[in-house]
């Protein structure tokens, strides 16, 4: 009887172990809330902080995201890449809505992580506002 109990315990332990030497990394869901911006199209813009905003990017671990600005919503897919020594995020939209896409083109938005860990927009390259988001 002792041998049977020992064998069953050993079987349970063996099946509960992950023998994969290289398990897949599962990213957690992320929520980025606007922290501030710099006005576009002007020389030496000042950083303007934002509090209690409803401007949010919600990123899911399955590669989809939802962008909310107030009651308006838009969604699509995103990809994270390392380019030019920076971690970059590329957001591609299912349905283009020029009112909600803050980019130099209407297909995707590009962001990068700055040295403070903020998700930082690139819309300023075409005189738009430079947007900064903090991870929640």
Protein backbone atom coordinates (compact mmCIF):
# COMPACT_ATOMS: atom_id res chain seq x y z
CA UNK A 1 0.00 0.00 0.00
CA UNK A 2 2.89 2.35 0.85
CA UNK A 3 4.44 1.66 -2.55
CA UNK A 4 1.17 2.52 -4.30
CA UNK A 5 0.82 5.83 -2.43
CA UNK A 6 4.47 6.70 -3.12
CA UNK A 7 4.01 5.83 -6.79
CA UNK A 8 0.87 8.01 -7.07
CA UNK A 9 2.60 10.97 -5.42
CA UNK A 10 5.52 10.58 -7.80
CA UNK A 11 3.15 10.47 -10.80
CA UNK A 12 1.35 13.63 -9.66
CA UNK A 13 4.65 15.48 -9.22
CA UNK A 14 5.96 14.33 -12.59
CA UNK A 15 2.87 15.49 -14.46
CA UNK A 16 2.76 18.84 -12.67
CA UNK A 17 6.31 19.76 -13.73
CA UNK A 18 7.12 21.73 -16.87
CA UNK A 19 10.02 20.01 -18.57
CA UNK A 20 10.31 22.66 -21.28
CA UNK A 21 13.77 24.28 -21.06
CA UNK A 22 12.57 27.26 -23.11
CA UNK A 23 9.02 28.07 -22.07
CA UNK A 24 7.10 30.70 -24.02
CA UNK A 25 7.15 34.08 -22.36
CA UNK A 26 3.63 35.29 -21.76
CA UNK A 27 3.39 39.04 -21.68
CA UNK A 28 0.85 40.46 -19.30
CA UNK A 29 -1.89 42.83 -20.35
CA UNK A 30 -0.81 46.46 -20.27
CA UNK A 31 -2.65 49.71 -19.68
CA UNK A 32 -1.05 53.01 -20.73
CA UNK A 33 -2.68 56.29 -19.63
CA UNK A 34 -1.74 59.68 -21.03
CA UNK A 35 0.61 61.57 -18.72
CA UNK A 36 1.28 64.66 -20.82
CA UNK A 37 2.14 66.14 -24.18
CA UNK A 38 4.16 68.77 -25.98
CA UNK A 39 2.44 70.92 -28.57
CA UNK A 40 3.47 70.26 -32.13
CA UNK A 41 4.62 72.72 -34.75
CA UNK A 42 6.31 75.14 -32.35
CA UNK A 43 9.93 75.67 -31.34
CA UNK A 44 10.92 74.49 -27.83
CA UNK A 45 7.51 73.19 -26.74
CA UNK A 46 6.89 72.85 -23.00
CA UNK A 47 5.72 69.62 -21.44
CA UNK A 48 2.10 69.88 -20.31
CA UNK A 49 1.06 67.29 -17.73
CA UNK A 50 -2.37 65.67 -17.87
CA UNK A 51 -4.26 64.20 -14.93
CA UNK A 52 -7.47 62.21 -14.73
CA UNK A 53 -7.60 61.57 -18.45
CA UNK A 54 -9.68 59.01 -20.26
CA UNK A 55 -7.07 58.67 -23.04
CA UNK A 56 -5.91 55.06 -22.65
CA UNK A 57 -4.23 52.29 -24.63
CA UNK A 58 -5.22 48.80 -23.36
CA UNK A 59 -2.87 46.15 -24.75
CA UNK A 60 -3.74 42.46 -24.51
CA UNK A 61 -1.20 39.67 -24.42
CA UNK A 62 -2.73 38.20 -27.61
CA UNK A 63 -1.46 41.14 -29.69
CA UNK A 64 -4.70 43.13 -29.82
CA UNK A 65 -5.33 46.54 -28.31
CA UNK A 66 -8.08 49.08 -27.70
CA UNK A 67 -7.56 52.82 -27.71
CA UNK A 68 -10.06 54.91 -25.76
CA UNK A 69 -10.38 58.67 -25.86
CA UNK A 70 -13.37 59.58 -23.73
CA UNK A 71 -16.34 57.65 -25.10
CA UNK A 72 -14.67 57.04 -28.47
CA UNK A 73 -12.99 53.69 -29.05
CA UNK A 74 -10.88 52.15 -31.79
CA UNK A 75 -9.08 48.81 -31.86
CA UNK A 76 -6.59 46.76 -33.79
CA UNK A 77 -3.39 44.81 -33.40
CA UNK A 78 0.03 45.82 -32.13
CA UNK A 79 3.57 44.59 -32.37
CA UNK A 80 6.56 45.22 -30.11
CA UNK A 81 10.02 45.39 -31.72
CA UNK A 82 13.52 46.53 -30.87
CA UNK A 83 14.79 48.97 -33.50
CA UNK A 84 17.55 51.57 -33.37
CA UNK A 85 18.27 50.60 -29.75
CA UNK A 86 14.69 51.36 -28.66
CA UNK A 87 11.71 49.24 -27.75
CA UNK A 88 9.01 50.30 -30.21
CA UNK A 89 5.29 49.68 -30.41
CA UNK A 90 3.42 49.67 -33.72
CA UNK A 91 -0.37 49.99 -33.57
CA UNK A 92 -2.35 48.99 -36.65
CA UNK A 93 -6.05 49.79 -36.78
CA UNK A 94 -8.93 47.66 -38.01
CA UNK A 95 -10.93 50.69 -39.13
CA UNK A 96 -9.25 54.01 -39.87
CA UNK A 97 -10.75 56.95 -37.96
CA UNK A 98 -8.70 60.08 -38.59
CA UNK A 99 -10.10 61.69 -35.43
CA UNK A 100 -8.58 59.01 -33.21
CA UNK A 101 -5.31 58.17 -34.97
CA UNK A 102 -2.44 60.44 -33.97
CA UNK A 103 0.21 59.65 -36.53
CA UNK A 104 1.82 60.96 -39.68
CA UNK A 105 -0.13 58.32 -41.63
CA UNK A 106 -3.63 56.90 -41.23
CA UNK A 107 -2.60 53.25 -41.15
CA UNK A 108 -0.56 52.87 -37.96
CA UNK A 109 0.85 54.71 -34.98
CA UNK A 110 4.44 54.30 -33.84
CA UNK A 111 5.53 54.73 -30.22
CA UNK A 112 8.76 54.04 -28.32
CA UNK A 113 9.76 53.72 -24.68
CA UNK A 114 11.75 56.75 -23.56
CA UNK A 115 14.42 56.76 -20.84
CA UNK A 116 11.74 57.40 -18.17
CA UNK A 117 9.79 54.30 -19.25
CA UNK A 118 7.02 56.33 -20.87
CA UNK A 119 5.32 55.23 -24.06
CA UNK A 120 6.17 58.16 -26.34
CA UNK A 121 4.48 59.08 -29.60
CA UNK A 122 6.10 60.14 -32.86
CA UNK A 123 3.29 62.35 -34.20
CA UNK A 124 5.52 65.39 -33.66
CA UNK A 125 7.52 64.34 -36.76
CA UNK A 126 4.71 65.90 -38.82
CA UNK A 127 3.83 68.82 -36.48
CA UNK A 128 1.41 66.87 -34.28
CA UNK A 129 1.64 66.80 -30.51
CA UNK A 130 4.25 64.57 -28.86
CA UNK A 131 2.23 62.32 -26.54
CA UNK A 132 3.53 60.64 -23.36
CA UNK A 133 1.83 57.71 -21.59
CA UNK A 134 2.56 56.08 -18.21
CA UNK A 135 2.02 52.39 -17.58
CA UNK A 136 -0.64 51.67 -14.99
